[in-house]
Amino acid sequence: MSDHRYDKLTVPDDSAANCVYLNIPGKGHILLHRAPEEYPESAKVFEKLKDHMLIPIACTELEKIDGSLTCTSVLINKTSEL
């Protein structure tokens, strides 16, 4: 349902690849990603995304119960009427 072209970004930690991309009108490109305290090498890769607002999220406690960033997200399809 998106008109956005996606690019591939490779991070050294598989769990750090679990992130959420948001394209919010008036705010731009936003990436919710795992915190640098959890995956410092992967955080360095995310920091190269200069066109994105980066929001690090700590998920260490969620990971203990096999949860991840996308497992705890609710994605809502916003219609033009809202």
PDB file of N, CA and C in Angstrom:
ATOM      1  N   MET A   1       0.813  -1.199   0.000  1.00  0.00           N
ATOM      2  CA  MET A   1       0.000   0.000   0.000  1.00  0.00           C
ATOM      3  C   MET A   1       0.860   1.269   0.000  1.00  0.00           C
ATOM      4  N   SER A   2       2.154   1.103  -0.024  1.00  0.00           N
ATOM      5  CA  SER A   2       3.053   2.246   0.036  1.00  0.00           C
ATOM      6  C   SER A   2       3.518   2.637  -1.358  1.00  0.00           C
ATOM      7  N   ASP A   3       3.780   3.907  -1.536  1.00  0.00           N
ATOM      8  CA  ASP A   3       4.354   4.372  -2.791  1.00  0.00           C
ATOM      9  C   ASP A   3       5.841   4.673  -2.613  1.00  0.00           C
ATOM     10  N   HIS A   4       6.385   4.279  -1.483  1.00  0.00           N
ATOM     11  CA  HIS A   4       7.794   4.527  -1.169  1.00  0.00           C
ATOM     12  C   HIS A   4       8.674   3.415  -1.728  1.00  0.00           C
ATOM     13  N   ARG A   5       9.816   3.770  -2.262  1.00  0.00           N
ATOM     14  CA  ARG A   5      10.792   2.801  -2.748  1.00  0.00           C
ATOM     15  C   ARG A   5      11.713   2.441  -1.589  1.00  0.00           C
ATOM     16  N   TYR A   6      11.828   1.159  -1.306  1.00  0.00           N
ATOM     17  CA  TYR A   6      12.628   0.705  -0.182  1.00  0.00           C
ATOM     18  C   TYR A   6      14.026   0.315  -0.623  1.00  0.00           C
ATOM     19  N   ASP A   7      15.008   0.647   0.200  1.00  0.00           N
ATOM     20  CA  ASP A   7      16.389   0.267  -0.026  1.00  0.00           C
ATOM     21  C   ASP A   7      16.785  -0.777   1.010  1.00  0.00           C
ATOM     22  N   LYS A   8      17.818  -1.519   0.712  1.00  0.00           N
ATOM     23  CA  LYS A   8      18.315  -2.543   1.620  1.00  0.00           C
ATOM     24  C   LYS A   8      19.402  -1.961   2.518  1.00  0.00           C
ATOM     25  N   LEU A   9      19.294  -2.230   3.801  1.00  0.00           N
ATOM     26  CA  LEU A   9      20.290  -1.798   4.779  1.00  0.00           C
ATOM     27  C   LEU A   9      20.721  -3.044   5.547  1.00  0.00           C
ATOM     28  N   THR A  10      22.006  -3.316   5.583  1.00  0.00           N
ATOM     29  CA  THR A  10      22.512  -4.513   6.256  1.00  0.00           C
ATOM     30  C   THR A  10      23.175  -4.124   7.569  1.00  0.00           C
ATOM     31  N   VAL A  11      22.745  -4.765   8.656  1.00  0.00           N
ATOM     32  CA  VAL A  11      23.340  -4.535   9.972  1.00  0.00           C
ATOM     33  C   VAL A  11      24.000  -5.833  10.438  1.00  0.00           C
ATOM     34  N   PRO A  12      25.041  -5.734  11.278  1.00  0.00           N
ATOM     35  CA  PRO A  12      25.772  -6.935  11.685  1.00  0.00           C
ATOM     36  C   PRO A  12      25.024  -7.845  12.669  1.00  0.00           C
ATOM     37  N   ASP A  13      24.005  -7.338  13.331  1.00  0.00           N
ATOM     38  CA  ASP A  13      23.257  -8.131  14.307  1.00  0.00           C
ATOM     39  C   ASP A  13      21.852  -8.401  13.782  1.00  0.00           C
ATOM     40  N   ASP A  14      21.490  -9.660  13.656  1.00  0.00           N
ATOM     41  CA  ASP A  14      20.176 -10.023  13.120  1.00  0.00           C
ATOM     42  C   ASP A  14      19.028  -9.385  13.904  1.00  0.00           C
ATOM     43  N   SER A  15      19.110  -9.393  15.218  1.00  0.00           N
ATOM     44  CA  SER A  15      18.024  -8.831  16.040  1.00  0.00           C
ATOM     45  C   SER A  15      17.890  -7.319  15.859  1.00  0.00           C
ATOM     46  N   ALA A  16      18.976  -6.658  15.540  1.00  0.00           N
ATOM     47  CA  ALA A  16      18.931  -5.213  15.337  1.00  0.00           C
ATOM     48  C   ALA A  16      18.212  -4.848  14.042  1.00  0.00           C
ATOM     49  N   ALA A  17      18.071  -5.808  13.138  1.00  0.00           N
ATOM     50  CA  ALA A  17      17.375  -5.542  11.872  1.00  0.00           C
ATOM     51  C   ALA A  17      15.874  -5.398  12.078  1.00  0.00           C
ATOM     52  N   ASN A  18      15.375  -5.755  13.236  1.00  0.00           N
ATOM     53  CA  ASN A  18      13.959  -5.634  13.546  1.00  0.00           C
ATOM     54  C   ASN A  18      13.679  -4.177  13.914  1.00  0.00           C
ATOM     55  N   CYS A  19      13.179  -3.413  12.964  1.00  0.00           N
ATOM     56  CA  CYS A  19      12.912  -1.996  13.189  1.00  0.00           C
ATOM     57  C   CYS A  19      11.611  -1.611  12.484  1.00  0.00           C
ATOM     58  N   VAL A  20      11.149  -0.404  12.760  1.00  0.00           N
ATOM     59  CA  VAL A  20       9.901   0.084  12.175  1.00  0.00           C
ATOM     60  C   VAL A  20      10.186   1.394  11.453  1.00  0.00           C
ATOM     61  N   TYR A  21       9.803   1.469  10.185  1.00  0.00           N
ATOM     62  CA  TYR A  21       9.949   2.678   9.381  1.00  0.00           C
ATOM     63  C   TYR A  21       8.611   3.411   9.330  1.00  0.00           C
ATOM     64  N   LEU A  22       8.647   4.713   9.529  1.00  0.00           N
ATOM     65  CA  LEU A  22       7.445   5.545   9.453  1.00  0.00           C
ATOM     66  C   LEU A  22       7.698   6.695   8.485  1.00  0.00           C
ATOM     67  N   ASN A  23       6.725   6.982   7.644  1.00  0.00           N
ATOM     68  CA  ASN A  23       6.785   8.149   6.772  1.00  0.00           C
ATOM     69  C   ASN A  23       5.622   9.037   7.179  1.00  0.00           C
ATOM     70  N   ILE A  24       5.911  10.024   8.015  1.00  0.00           N
ATOM     71  CA  ILE A  24       4.862  10.862   8.592  1.00  0.00           C
ATOM     72  C   ILE A  24       4.867  12.230   7.913  1.00  0.00           C
ATOM     73  N   PRO A  25       3.755  12.615   7.282  1.00  0.00           N
ATOM     74  CA  PRO A  25       3.693  13.933   6.646  1.00  0.00           C
ATOM     75  C   PRO A  25       4.032  15.039   7.640  1.00  0.00           C
ATOM     76  N   GLY A  26       4.892  15.917   7.241  1.00  0.00           N
ATOM     77  CA  GLY A  26       5.307  17.018   8.100  1.00  0.00           C
ATOM     78  C   GLY A  26       6.463  16.661   9.019  1.00  0.00           C
ATOM     79  N   LYS A  27       6.720  15.386   9.202  1.00  0.00           N
ATOM     80  CA  LYS A  27       7.827  14.929  10.058  1.00  0.00           C
ATOM     81  C   LYS A  27       8.922  14.257   9.239  1.00  0.00           C
ATOM     82  N   GLY A  28       8.544  13.635   8.130  1.00  0.00           N
ATOM     83  CA  GLY A  28       9.517  12.982   7.275  1.00  0.00           C
ATOM     84  C   GLY A  28       9.707  11.519   7.581  1.00  0.00           C
ATOM     85  N   HIS A  29      10.906  11.036   7.279  1.00  0.00           N
ATOM     86  CA  HIS A  29      11.246   9.621   7.423  1.00  0.00           C
ATOM     87  C   HIS A  29      11.727   9.361   8.847  1.00  0.00           C
ATOM     88  N   ILE A  30      11.100   8.430   9.523  1.00  0.00           N
ATOM     89  CA  ILE A  30      11.440   8.102  10.907  1.00  0.00           C
ATOM     90  C   ILE A  30      11.739   6.611  10.988  1.00  0.00           C
ATOM     91  N   LEU A  31      12.795   6.265  11.721  1.00  0.00           N
ATOM     92  CA  LEU A  31      13.151   4.867  11.899  1.00  0.00           C
ATOM     93  C   LEU A  31      13.273   4.568  13.393  1.00  0.00           C
ATOM     94  N   LEU A  32      12.407   3.679  13.874  1.00  0.00           N
ATOM     95  CA  LEU A  32      12.517   3.180  15.241  1.00  0.00           C
ATOM     96  C   LEU A  32      13.434   1.973  15.176  1.00  0.00           C
ATOM     97  N   HIS A  33      14.519   2.009  15.924  1.00  0.00           N
ATOM     98  CA  HIS A  33      15.508   0.925  15.857  1.00  0.00           C
ATOM     99  C   HIS A  33      16.009   0.566  17.246  1.00  0.00           C
ATOM    100  N   ARG A  34      16.695  -0.570  17.339  1.00  0.00           N
ATOM    101  CA  ARG A  34      17.230  -1.037  18.619  1.00  0.00           C
ATOM    102  C   ARG A  34      18.291  -0.076  19.140  1.00  0.00           C
ATOM    103  N   ALA A  35      18.337   0.069  20.451  1.00  0.00           N
ATOM    104  CA  ALA A  35      19.226   1.032  21.107  1.00  0.00           C
ATOM    105  C   ALA A  35      20.702   0.676  20.939  1.00  0.00           C
ATOM    106  N   PRO A  36      21.569   1.700  20.887  1.00  0.00           N
ATOM    107  CA  PRO A  36      23.010   1.467  20.770  1.00  0.00           C
ATOM    108  C   PRO A  36      23.579   0.652  21.938  1.00  0.00           C
ATOM    109  N   GLU A  37      22.958   0.745  23.103  1.00  0.00           N
ATOM    110  CA  GLU A  37      23.429  -0.026  24.259  1.00  0.00           C
ATOM    111  C   GLU A  37      23.263  -1.527  24.022  1.00  0.00           C
ATOM    112  N   GLU A  38      22.298  -1.885  23.211  1.00  0.00           N
ATOM    113  CA  GLU A  38      22.034  -3.289  22.917  1.00  0.00           C
ATOM    114  C   GLU A  38      22.889  -3.794  21.756  1.00  0.00           C
ATOM    115  N   TYR A  39      22.997  -2.993  20.705  1.00  0.00           N
ATOM    116  CA  TYR A  39      23.724  -3.398  19.503  1.00  0.00           C
ATOM    117  C   TYR A  39      24.547  -2.218  18.976  1.00  0.00           C
ATOM    118  N   PRO A  40      25.703  -1.957  19.601  1.00  0.00           N
ATOM    119  CA  PRO A  40      26.499  -0.777  19.212  1.00  0.00           C
ATOM    120  C   PRO A  40      26.980  -0.791  17.759  1.00  0.00           C
ATOM    121  N   GLU A  41      27.355  -1.941  17.235  1.00  0.00           N
ATOM    122  CA  GLU A  41      27.848  -1.991  15.849  1.00  0.00           C
ATOM    123  C   GLU A  41      26.726  -1.718  14.852  1.00  0.00           C
ATOM    124  N   SER A  42      25.550  -2.220  15.139  1.00  0.00           N
ATOM    125  CA  SER A  42      24.400  -1.964  14.265  1.00  0.00           C
ATOM    126  C   SER A  42      23.965  -0.503  14.364  1.00  0.00           C
ATOM    127  N   ALA A  43      24.071   0.077  15.543  1.00  0.00           N
ATOM    128  CA  ALA A  43      23.710   1.492  15.716  1.00  0.00           C
ATOM    129  C   ALA A  43      24.569   2.382  14.828  1.00  0.00           C
ATOM    130  N   LYS A  44      25.824   2.013  14.640  1.00  0.00           N
ATOM    131  CA  LYS A  44      26.707   2.787  13.755  1.00  0.00           C
ATOM    132  C   LYS A  44      26.193   2.783  12.317  1.00  0.00           C
ATOM    133  N   VAL A  45      25.611   1.670  11.900  1.00  0.00           N
ATOM    134  CA  VAL A  45      25.043   1.582  10.546  1.00  0.00           C
ATOM    135  C   VAL A  45      23.821   2.490  10.445  1.00  0.00           C
ATOM    136  N   PHE A  46      22.949   2.457  11.446  1.00  0.00           N
ATOM    137  CA  PHE A  46      21.750   3.301  11.424  1.00  0.00           C
ATOM    138  C   PHE A  46      22.117   4.789  11.401  1.00  0.00           C
ATOM    139  N   GLU A  47      23.178   5.160  12.099  1.00  0.00           N
ATOM    140  CA  GLU A  47      23.594   6.569  12.164  1.00  0.00           C
ATOM    141  C   GLU A  47      24.009   7.123  10.807  1.00  0.00           C
ATOM    142  N   LYS A  48      24.266   6.266   9.847  1.00  0.00           N
ATOM    143  CA  LYS A  48      24.628   6.716   8.495  1.00  0.00           C
ATOM    144  C   LYS A  48      23.412   7.199   7.707  1.00  0.00           C
ATOM    145  N   LEU A  49      22.214   6.946   8.225  1.00  0.00           N
ATOM    146  CA  LEU A  49      20.980   7.363   7.546  1.00  0.00           C
ATOM    147  C   LEU A  49      20.699   8.825   7.886  1.00  0.00           C
ATOM    148  N   LYS A  50      21.306   9.714   7.152  1.00  0.00           N
ATOM    149  CA  LYS A  50      21.209  11.151   7.441  1.00  0.00           C
ATOM    150  C   LYS A  50      19.841  11.744   7.117  1.00  0.00           C
ATOM    151  N   ASP A  51      19.074  11.099   6.239  1.00  0.00           N
ATOM    152  CA  ASP A  51      17.769  11.627   5.845  1.00  0.00           C
ATOM    153  C   ASP A  51      16.632  11.131   6.732  1.00  0.00           C
ATOM    154  N   HIS A  52      16.957  10.434   7.822  1.00  0.00           N
ATOM    155  CA  HIS A  52      15.939   9.850   8.689  1.00  0.00           C
ATOM    156  C   HIS A  52      16.061  10.384  10.113  1.00  0.00           C
ATOM    157  N   MET A  53      14.926  10.556  10.764  1.00  0.00           N
ATOM    158  CA  MET A  53      14.939  10.823  12.189  1.00  0.00           C
ATOM    159  C   MET A  53      15.056   9.455  12.862  1.00  0.00           C
ATOM    160  N   LEU A  54      16.107   9.271  13.642  1.00  0.00           N
ATOM    161  CA  LEU A  54      16.360   7.985  14.281  1.00  0.00           C
ATOM    162  C   LEU A  54      15.877   8.009  15.726  1.00  0.00           C
ATOM    163  N   ILE A  55      15.092   7.030  16.101  1.00  0.00           N
ATOM    164  CA  ILE A  55      14.588   6.931  17.471  1.00  0.00           C
ATOM    165  C   ILE A  55      14.987   5.557  18.007  1.00  0.00           C
ATOM    166  N   PRO A  56      16.015   5.522  18.884  1.00  0.00           N
ATOM    167  CA  PRO A  56      16.429   4.239  19.442  1.00  0.00           C
ATOM    168  C   PRO A  56      15.448   3.762  20.518  1.00  0.00           C
ATOM    169  N   ILE A  57      15.155   2.466  20.500  1.00  0.00           N
ATOM    170  CA  ILE A  57      14.226   1.856  21.439  1.00  0.00           C
ATOM    171  C   ILE A  57      14.934   0.678  22.110  1.00  0.00           C
ATOM    172  N   ALA A  58      14.964   0.671  23.450  1.00  0.00           N
ATOM    173  CA  ALA A  58      15.558  -0.445  24.184  1.00  0.00           C
ATOM    174  C   ALA A  58      14.530  -1.571  24.307  1.00  0.00           C
ATOM    175  N   CYS A  59      14.909  -2.754  23.879  1.00  0.00           N
ATOM    176  CA  CYS A  59      13.985  -3.900  23.884  1.00  0.00           C
ATOM    177  C   CYS A  59      14.556  -5.095  24.636  1.00  0.00           C
ATOM    178  N   THR A  60      15.546  -4.885  25.474  1.00  0.00           N
ATOM    179  CA  THR A  60      16.197  -5.988  26.171  1.00  0.00           C
ATOM    180  C   THR A  60      15.212  -6.837  26.957  1.00  0.00           C
ATOM    181  N   GLU A  61      14.299  -6.221  27.677  1.00  0.00           N
ATOM    182  CA  GLU A  61      13.327  -6.976  28.475  1.00  0.00           C
ATOM    183  C   GLU A  61      12.345  -7.735  27.580  1.00  0.00           C
ATOM    184  N   LEU A  62      11.938  -7.126  26.478  1.00  0.00           N
ATOM    185  CA  LEU A  62      11.035  -7.803  25.542  1.00  0.00           C
ATOM    186  C   LEU A  62      11.698  -9.029  24.919  1.00  0.00           C
ATOM    187  N   GLU A  63      12.984  -8.922  24.655  1.00  0.00           N
ATOM    188  CA  GLU A  63      13.708 -10.014  24.027  1.00  0.00           C
ATOM    189  C   GLU A  63      13.722 -11.262  24.917  1.00  0.00           C
ATOM    190  N   LYS A  64      13.657 -11.070  26.233  1.00  0.00           N
ATOM    191  CA  LYS A  64      13.659 -12.202  27.160  1.00  0.00           C
ATOM    192  C   LYS A  64      12.433 -13.098  26.968  1.00  0.00           C
ATOM    193  N   ILE A  65      11.348 -12.510  26.489  1.00  0.00           N
ATOM    194  CA  ILE A  65      10.133 -13.301  26.253  1.00  0.00           C
ATOM    195  C   ILE A  65       9.893 -13.490  24.760  1.00  0.00           C
ATOM    196  N   ASP A  66      10.985 -13.426  24.011  1.00  0.00           N
ATOM    197  CA  ASP A  66      10.951 -13.629  22.565  1.00  0.00           C
ATOM    198  C   ASP A  66      10.135 -12.559  21.845  1.00  0.00           C
ATOM    199  N   GLY A  67      10.091 -11.367  22.420  1.00  0.00           N
ATOM    200  CA  GLY A  67       9.406 -10.242  21.774  1.00  0.00           C
ATOM    201  C   GLY A  67      10.412  -9.376  21.046  1.00  0.00           C
ATOM    202  N   SER A  68       9.929  -8.580  20.133  1.00  0.00           N
ATOM    203  CA  SER A  68      10.794  -7.664  19.407  1.00  0.00           C
ATOM    204  C   SER A  68      10.003  -6.409  19.066  1.00  0.00           C
ATOM    205  N   LEU A  69      10.666  -5.471  18.432  1.00  0.00           N
ATOM    206  CA  LEU A  69      10.051  -4.178  18.147  1.00  0.00           C
ATOM    207  C   LEU A  69       8.783  -4.311  17.316  1.00  0.00           C
ATOM    208  N   THR A  70       8.814  -5.109  16.265  1.00  0.00           N
ATOM    209  CA  THR A  70       7.625  -5.235  15.433  1.00  0.00           C
ATOM    210  C   THR A  70       6.544  -6.085  16.091  1.00  0.00           C
ATOM    211  N   CYS A  71       6.931  -6.963  17.015  1.00  0.00           N
ATOM    212  CA  CYS A  71       5.932  -7.765  17.742  1.00  0.00           C
ATOM    213  C   CYS A  71       5.098  -6.900  18.678  1.00  0.00           C
ATOM    214  N   THR A  72       5.661  -5.772  19.099  1.00  0.00           N
ATOM    215  CA  THR A  72       4.969  -4.915  20.057  1.00  0.00           C
ATOM    216  C   THR A  72       4.412  -3.658  19.401  1.00  0.00           C
ATOM    217  N   SER A  73       4.311  -3.667  18.084  1.00  0.00           N
ATOM    218  CA  SER A  73       3.827  -2.509  17.344  1.00  0.00           C
ATOM    219  C   SER A  73       2.420  -2.750  16.807  1.00  0.00           C
ATOM    220  N   VAL A  74       1.662  -1.686  16.753  1.00  0.00           N
ATOM    221  CA  VAL A  74       0.352  -1.719  16.117  1.00  0.00           C
ATOM    222  C   VAL A  74       0.436  -0.787  14.914  1.00  0.00           C
ATOM    223  N   LEU A  75       0.247  -1.337  13.728  1.00  0.00           N
ATOM    224  CA  LEU A  75       0.307  -0.536  12.512  1.00  0.00           C
ATOM    225  C   LEU A  75      -1.105  -0.194  12.074  1.00  0.00           C
ATOM    226  N   ILE A  76      -1.346   1.084  11.832  1.00  0.00           N
ATOM    227  CA  ILE A  76      -2.673   1.566  11.495  1.00  0.00           C
ATOM    228  C   ILE A  76      -2.644   2.177  10.096  1.00  0.00           C
ATOM    229  N   ASN A  77      -3.550   1.744   9.250  1.00  0.00           N
ATOM    230  CA  ASN A  77      -3.673   2.296   7.911  1.00  0.00           C
ATOM    231  C   ASN A  77      -4.543   3.543   8.003  1.00  0.00           C
ATOM    232  N   LYS A  78      -3.935   4.688   7.918  1.00  0.00           N
ATOM    233  CA  LYS A  78      -4.669   5.950   8.041  1.00  0.00           C
ATOM    234  C   LYS A  78      -5.314   6.294   6.699  1.00  0.00           C
ATOM    235  N   THR A  79      -6.614   6.527   6.710  1.00  0.00           N
ATOM    236  CA  THR A  79      -7.313   6.907   5.489  1.00  0.00           C
ATOM    237  C   THR A  79      -7.231   8.411   5.306  1.00  0.00           C
ATOM    238  N   SER A  80      -7.489   8.873   4.119  1.00  0.00           N
ATOM    239  CA  SER A  80      -7.398  10.298   3.820  1.00  0.00           C
ATOM    240  C   SER A  80      -8.482  11.109   4.540  1.00  0.00           C
ATOM    241  N   GLU A  81      -9.518  10.465   5.036  1.00  0.00           N
ATOM    242  CA  GLU A  81     -10.584  11.190   5.714  1.00  0.00           C
ATOM    243  C   GLU A  81     -10.232  11.581   7.144  1.00  0.00           C
ATOM    244  N   LEU A  82      -9.192  10.952   7.715  1.00  0.00           N
ATOM    245  CA  LEU A  82      -8.836  11.241   9.106  1.00  0.00           C
ATOM    246  C   LEU A  82      -8.062  12.502   9.260  1.00  0.00           C
TER     247      LEU A  82
END
